[in-house]
Structures are given as C-alpha cells and as structure tokens.
C-alpha cells in the first residue's frame, strides 16, 4: 500500500530531494493537498523553531483544524518533524545500504 506524505513549506534544502526520497521508498509526496488519506505530515524544522518562539504557522493551524474537525478523522495520521523524518530515513538507508537515497539525504542534511 502506498503511503501518502504531506510536507509543510519552509523545508531545509530542496523539497524536490525530499520528494525524491519518498518516491525512492515507494511513497507519494505532496505539498499541495493535506487530505484525509494522508499518512504522514512532515513539519519543517523552521516552522518548529518559529512555534518555540510563539509564532504559529498557517499550516499548523490548518493541521489543527483538520484533526479537530467533525467528519473526516485522521486516525492513521503520524506527525513528524523534518529532523525526525530525515534521521529515520538516514538510518534506514544505512541499514539496507540504499546508496542513492542516502546520497539525497546527505544533500539535505
């Protein structure tokens, strides 16, 4: 089953590299539509740092509204920071010796 990944704005490095990483793993990346079918919501480190300073990004407000809305439930949604996501993929690439995806990860981090 294909996993759907939504990426927030303000990612580090090229979003196309992060999208390619997901494609290499058989997932479907987007930054255009956060839907009820989304499996993972990746929040950029920049947005997390802004939140720590009390600045709430519009995409976090949208996420909160959709999670709390009636009707569509995001019961399978996993919210990850960009850092956690990249660290997980980096470790996975090392474990399975995926050199092409590892190269992309190294360009991002």
N, C-alpha and C. Protein backbone atom coordinates (compact mmCIF):
# COMPACT_ATOMS: atom_id res chain seq x y z
N UNK A 1 0.84 -1.19 0.00
CA UNK A 1 0.00 0.00 0.00
C UNK A 1 0.88 1.25 0.00
N UNK A 2 0.58 2.17 -0.86
CA UNK A 2 1.36 3.40 -0.98
C UNK A 2 1.01 4.33 0.18
N UNK A 3 2.04 4.86 0.83
CA UNK A 3 1.86 5.82 1.92
C UNK A 3 1.90 7.23 1.33
N UNK A 4 1.04 8.10 1.85
CA UNK A 4 0.98 9.48 1.39
C UNK A 4 1.62 10.40 2.43
N UNK A 5 2.51 11.25 1.95
CA UNK A 5 3.28 12.17 2.80
C UNK A 5 2.94 13.60 2.41
N UNK A 6 2.56 14.41 3.41
CA UNK A 6 2.37 15.84 3.18
C UNK A 6 3.55 16.56 3.82
N UNK A 7 4.19 17.44 3.05
CA UNK A 7 5.32 18.22 3.55
C UNK A 7 4.89 19.67 3.72
N UNK A 8 5.21 20.24 4.87
CA UNK A 8 4.94 21.66 5.09
C UNK A 8 5.88 22.49 4.21
N UNK A 9 5.64 23.76 4.18
CA UNK A 9 6.54 24.69 3.50
C UNK A 9 7.79 24.89 4.36
N UNK A 10 8.77 25.59 3.83
CA UNK A 10 9.97 26.01 4.56
C UNK A 10 10.87 24.85 4.95
N UNK A 11 10.95 23.84 4.07
CA UNK A 11 11.84 22.70 4.31
C UNK A 11 13.29 23.12 4.11
N UNK A 12 14.18 22.40 4.76
CA UNK A 12 15.60 22.66 4.52
C UNK A 12 16.00 22.01 3.19
N UNK A 13 16.93 22.63 2.52
CA UNK A 13 17.38 22.07 1.24
C UNK A 13 16.28 22.10 0.20
N UNK A 14 16.43 21.27 -0.79
CA UNK A 14 15.47 21.21 -1.89
C UNK A 14 14.31 20.29 -1.54
N UNK A 15 13.10 20.81 -1.69
CA UNK A 15 11.93 19.96 -1.43
C UNK A 15 11.89 18.82 -2.44
N UNK A 16 12.45 19.05 -3.62
CA UNK A 16 12.45 18.01 -4.64
C UNK A 16 13.31 16.82 -4.22
N UNK A 17 14.39 17.08 -3.49
CA UNK A 17 15.20 15.98 -2.95
C UNK A 17 14.39 15.19 -1.92
N UNK A 18 13.67 15.90 -1.06
CA UNK A 18 12.85 15.20 -0.06
C UNK A 18 11.73 14.41 -0.75
N UNK A 19 11.15 14.98 -1.80
CA UNK A 19 10.13 14.27 -2.56
C UNK A 19 10.72 13.03 -3.23
N UNK A 20 11.93 13.16 -3.77
CA UNK A 20 12.59 12.02 -4.43
C UNK A 20 12.86 10.90 -3.42
N UNK A 21 13.25 11.28 -2.21
CA UNK A 21 13.48 10.28 -1.15
C UNK A 21 12.21 9.47 -0.93
N UNK A 22 11.07 10.14 -0.81
CA UNK A 22 9.80 9.44 -0.60
C UNK A 22 9.47 8.56 -1.80
N UNK A 23 9.69 9.08 -3.00
CA UNK A 23 9.47 8.28 -4.21
C UNK A 23 10.33 7.03 -4.23
N UNK A 24 11.60 7.17 -3.82
CA UNK A 24 12.50 6.02 -3.77
C UNK A 24 11.99 4.95 -2.80
N UNK A 25 11.27 5.38 -1.79
CA UNK A 25 10.75 4.44 -0.78
C UNK A 25 9.34 3.95 -1.12
N UNK A 26 8.83 4.36 -2.28
CA UNK A 26 7.52 3.89 -2.72
C UNK A 26 6.36 4.70 -2.20
N UNK A 27 6.63 5.89 -1.67
CA UNK A 27 5.57 6.75 -1.15
C UNK A 27 5.16 7.81 -2.15
N UNK A 28 4.14 8.56 -1.80
CA UNK A 28 3.62 9.63 -2.64
C UNK A 28 3.72 10.95 -1.88
N UNK A 29 4.67 11.82 -2.26
CA UNK A 29 4.83 13.09 -1.56
C UNK A 29 4.00 14.21 -2.18
N UNK A 30 3.61 15.17 -1.35
CA UNK A 30 2.93 16.36 -1.85
C UNK A 30 3.12 17.50 -0.86
N UNK A 31 3.01 18.71 -1.37
CA UNK A 31 2.94 19.88 -0.50
C UNK A 31 1.72 20.71 -0.89
N UNK A 32 0.87 20.12 -1.74
CA UNK A 32 -0.29 20.84 -2.25
C UNK A 32 -1.59 20.51 -1.53
N UNK A 33 -1.75 19.25 -1.12
CA UNK A 33 -3.04 18.86 -0.55
C UNK A 33 -2.86 17.96 0.67
N UNK A 34 -3.37 18.43 1.79
CA UNK A 34 -3.41 17.64 3.01
C UNK A 34 -4.82 17.08 3.12
N UNK A 35 -4.96 15.78 2.90
CA UNK A 35 -6.29 15.17 2.86
C UNK A 35 -6.46 14.12 3.95
N UNK A 36 -7.65 13.58 4.03
CA UNK A 36 -7.94 12.53 4.99
C UNK A 36 -7.17 11.25 4.72
N UNK A 37 -6.62 11.11 3.52
CA UNK A 37 -5.84 9.93 3.16
C UNK A 37 -4.36 10.07 3.49
N UNK A 38 -3.96 11.23 3.97
CA UNK A 38 -2.55 11.47 4.28
C UNK A 38 -2.12 10.60 5.45
N UNK A 39 -0.98 9.92 5.28
CA UNK A 39 -0.44 9.04 6.33
C UNK A 39 0.55 9.77 7.24
N UNK A 40 1.36 10.66 6.64
CA UNK A 40 2.40 11.36 7.39
C UNK A 40 2.35 12.85 7.08
N UNK A 41 2.47 13.66 8.12
CA UNK A 41 2.54 15.12 7.98
C UNK A 41 3.93 15.50 8.49
N UNK A 42 4.79 15.99 7.59
CA UNK A 42 6.16 16.34 7.94
C UNK A 42 6.23 17.86 8.12
N UNK A 43 6.57 18.29 9.33
CA UNK A 43 6.65 19.72 9.65
C UNK A 43 8.11 20.16 9.61
N UNK A 44 8.37 21.22 8.86
CA UNK A 44 9.75 21.70 8.72
C UNK A 44 10.33 22.14 10.07
N UNK A 45 11.63 21.99 10.18
CA UNK A 45 12.33 22.42 11.40
C UNK A 45 12.16 23.93 11.61
N UNK A 46 12.11 24.68 10.52
CA UNK A 46 11.94 26.13 10.61
C UNK A 46 10.60 26.47 11.29
N UNK A 47 9.54 25.79 10.89
CA UNK A 47 8.22 26.03 11.49
C UNK A 47 8.22 25.64 12.97
N UNK A 48 8.92 24.56 13.31
CA UNK A 48 9.03 24.15 14.72
C UNK A 48 9.76 25.22 15.53
N UNK A 49 10.83 25.77 14.98
CA UNK A 49 11.57 26.82 15.69
C UNK A 49 10.71 28.07 15.86
N UNK A 50 9.93 28.42 14.83
CA UNK A 50 9.02 29.56 14.96
C UNK A 50 7.99 29.30 16.07
N UNK A 51 7.48 28.08 16.13
CA UNK A 51 6.49 27.72 17.15
C UNK A 51 7.08 27.87 18.56
N UNK A 52 8.33 27.50 18.72
CA UNK A 52 9.01 27.65 20.01
C UNK A 52 9.09 29.11 20.43
N UNK A 53 9.12 30.02 19.44
CA UNK A 53 9.16 31.46 19.71
C UNK A 53 7.76 32.07 19.77
N UNK A 54 6.73 31.21 19.72
CA UNK A 54 5.36 31.68 19.83
C UNK A 54 4.69 32.04 18.53
N UNK A 55 5.33 31.76 17.40
CA UNK A 55 4.75 32.07 16.09
C UNK A 55 4.14 30.79 15.52
N UNK A 56 2.82 30.80 15.32
CA UNK A 56 2.12 29.62 14.83
C UNK A 56 1.87 29.76 13.33
N UNK A 57 2.50 28.91 12.56
CA UNK A 57 2.40 28.92 11.10
C UNK A 57 0.98 28.53 10.65
N UNK A 58 0.57 29.07 9.52
CA UNK A 58 -0.75 28.77 8.96
C UNK A 58 -0.96 27.28 8.73
N UNK A 59 0.10 26.57 8.34
CA UNK A 59 -0.06 25.14 8.08
C UNK A 59 -0.31 24.36 9.38
N UNK A 60 0.22 24.84 10.48
CA UNK A 60 -0.08 24.20 11.77
C UNK A 60 -1.52 24.46 12.18
N UNK A 61 -2.00 25.65 11.88
CA UNK A 61 -3.40 25.98 12.17
C UNK A 61 -4.32 25.10 11.33
N UNK A 62 -3.97 24.91 10.05
CA UNK A 62 -4.75 24.04 9.17
C UNK A 62 -4.74 22.60 9.69
N UNK A 63 -3.57 22.12 10.10
CA UNK A 63 -3.46 20.76 10.65
C UNK A 63 -4.36 20.60 11.87
N UNK A 64 -4.30 21.57 12.77
CA UNK A 64 -5.11 21.52 13.99
C UNK A 64 -6.61 21.50 13.66
N UNK A 65 -7.02 22.34 12.71
CA UNK A 65 -8.43 22.39 12.33
C UNK A 65 -8.90 21.06 11.74
N UNK A 66 -8.08 20.48 10.88
CA UNK A 66 -8.48 19.22 10.24
C UNK A 66 -8.52 18.07 11.23
N UNK A 67 -7.59 18.05 12.15
CA UNK A 67 -7.59 16.98 13.16
C UNK A 67 -8.81 17.11 14.06
N UNK A 68 -9.19 18.34 14.39
CA UNK A 68 -10.31 18.57 15.31
C UNK A 68 -11.67 18.66 14.63
N UNK A 69 -11.71 18.62 13.28
CA UNK A 69 -12.98 18.77 12.58
C UNK A 69 -13.82 17.50 12.68
N UNK A 70 -15.12 17.69 12.57
CA UNK A 70 -16.03 16.55 12.58
C UNK A 70 -16.04 15.94 11.18
N UNK A 71 -16.39 14.69 11.12
CA UNK A 71 -16.46 14.02 9.82
C UNK A 71 -15.19 13.27 9.53
N UNK A 72 -14.31 13.89 8.78
CA UNK A 72 -13.06 13.22 8.40
C UNK A 72 -12.13 13.12 9.61
N UNK A 73 -11.78 11.92 9.92
CA UNK A 73 -10.85 11.70 11.04
C UNK A 73 -9.49 11.31 10.50
N UNK A 74 -8.48 11.80 11.12
CA UNK A 74 -7.10 11.48 10.75
C UNK A 74 -6.53 10.50 11.77
N UNK A 75 -7.20 9.36 11.91
CA UNK A 75 -6.80 8.40 12.93
C UNK A 75 -5.47 7.73 12.63
N UNK A 76 -5.10 7.64 11.35
CA UNK A 76 -3.84 6.98 11.00
C UNK A 76 -2.71 7.99 10.79
N UNK A 77 -3.00 9.27 10.90
CA UNK A 77 -2.00 10.30 10.64
C UNK A 77 -0.88 10.30 11.67
N UNK A 78 0.34 10.36 11.17
CA UNK A 78 1.52 10.49 12.03
C UNK A 78 2.17 11.83 11.70
N UNK A 79 2.39 12.64 12.72
CA UNK A 79 3.01 13.95 12.54
C UNK A 79 4.47 13.84 12.99
N UNK A 80 5.37 14.19 12.08
CA UNK A 80 6.81 14.11 12.35
C UNK A 80 7.48 15.44 12.07
N UNK A 81 8.52 15.73 12.83
CA UNK A 81 9.34 16.89 12.48
C UNK A 81 10.25 16.47 11.34
N UNK A 82 10.70 17.46 10.61
CA UNK A 82 11.62 17.20 9.50
C UNK A 82 12.88 16.49 9.99
N UNK A 83 13.38 16.90 11.14
CA UNK A 83 14.59 16.30 11.71
C UNK A 83 14.38 14.81 11.99
N UNK A 84 13.29 14.46 12.64
CA UNK A 84 13.00 13.06 12.97
C UNK A 84 12.83 12.25 11.69
N UNK A 85 12.12 12.79 10.73
CA UNK A 85 11.92 12.12 9.44
C UNK A 85 13.25 11.84 8.76
N UNK A 86 14.10 12.86 8.65
CA UNK A 86 15.39 12.70 7.97
C UNK A 86 16.31 11.73 8.71
N UNK A 87 16.31 11.79 10.03
CA UNK A 87 17.13 10.86 10.81
C UNK A 87 16.67 9.41 10.61
N UNK A 88 15.37 9.21 10.58
CA UNK A 88 14.83 7.86 10.37
C UNK A 88 15.22 7.33 8.99
N UNK A 89 15.05 8.15 7.97
CA UNK A 89 15.38 7.71 6.61
C UNK A 89 16.88 7.48 6.48
N UNK A 90 17.68 8.34 7.09
CA UNK A 90 19.14 8.17 7.05
C UNK A 90 19.54 6.82 7.65
N UNK A 91 18.99 6.52 8.81
CA UNK A 91 19.28 5.25 9.49
C UNK A 91 18.82 4.06 8.64
N UNK A 92 17.65 4.18 8.06
CA UNK A 92 17.11 3.11 7.21
C UNK A 92 18.03 2.87 6.01
N UNK A 93 18.48 3.94 5.38
CA UNK A 93 19.37 3.82 4.22
C UNK A 93 20.67 3.12 4.60
N UNK A 94 21.21 3.46 5.76
CA UNK A 94 22.44 2.80 6.22
C UNK A 94 22.20 1.31 6.46
N UNK A 95 21.06 0.97 7.04
CA UNK A 95 20.76 -0.43 7.36
C UNK A 95 20.55 -1.30 6.13
N UNK A 96 19.97 -0.73 5.07
CA UNK A 96 19.69 -1.54 3.87
C UNK A 96 20.66 -1.22 2.73
N UNK A 97 21.65 -0.38 3.01
CA UNK A 97 22.66 0.00 2.02
C UNK A 97 22.04 0.63 0.77
N UNK A 98 21.11 1.55 0.96
CA UNK A 98 20.47 2.27 -0.13
C UNK A 98 21.29 3.52 -0.42
N UNK A 99 22.27 3.39 -1.28
CA UNK A 99 23.23 4.47 -1.53
C UNK A 99 22.62 5.65 -2.27
N UNK A 100 21.69 5.42 -3.20
CA UNK A 100 21.13 6.54 -3.95
C UNK A 100 20.28 7.44 -3.05
N UNK A 101 19.45 6.83 -2.20
CA UNK A 101 18.64 7.63 -1.28
C UNK A 101 19.52 8.26 -0.21
N UNK A 102 20.53 7.55 0.23
CA UNK A 102 21.48 8.09 1.21
C UNK A 102 22.17 9.33 0.67
N UNK A 103 22.51 9.32 -0.61
CA UNK A 103 23.13 10.49 -1.25
C UNK A 103 22.18 11.69 -1.19
N UNK A 104 20.90 11.47 -1.47
CA UNK A 104 19.91 12.55 -1.40
C UNK A 104 19.78 13.09 0.02
N UNK A 105 19.74 12.18 0.99
CA UNK A 105 19.62 12.59 2.40
C UNK A 105 20.82 13.44 2.80
N UNK A 106 21.99 13.03 2.38
CA UNK A 106 23.20 13.80 2.73
C UNK A 106 23.19 15.19 2.11
N UNK A 107 22.58 15.34 0.94
CA UNK A 107 22.45 16.66 0.33
C UNK A 107 21.51 17.55 1.14
N UNK A 108 20.52 16.93 1.78
CA UNK A 108 19.53 17.69 2.55
C UNK A 108 20.09 18.09 3.92
N UNK A 109 20.73 17.13 4.60
CA UNK A 109 21.22 17.41 5.94
C UNK A 109 22.64 17.92 5.86
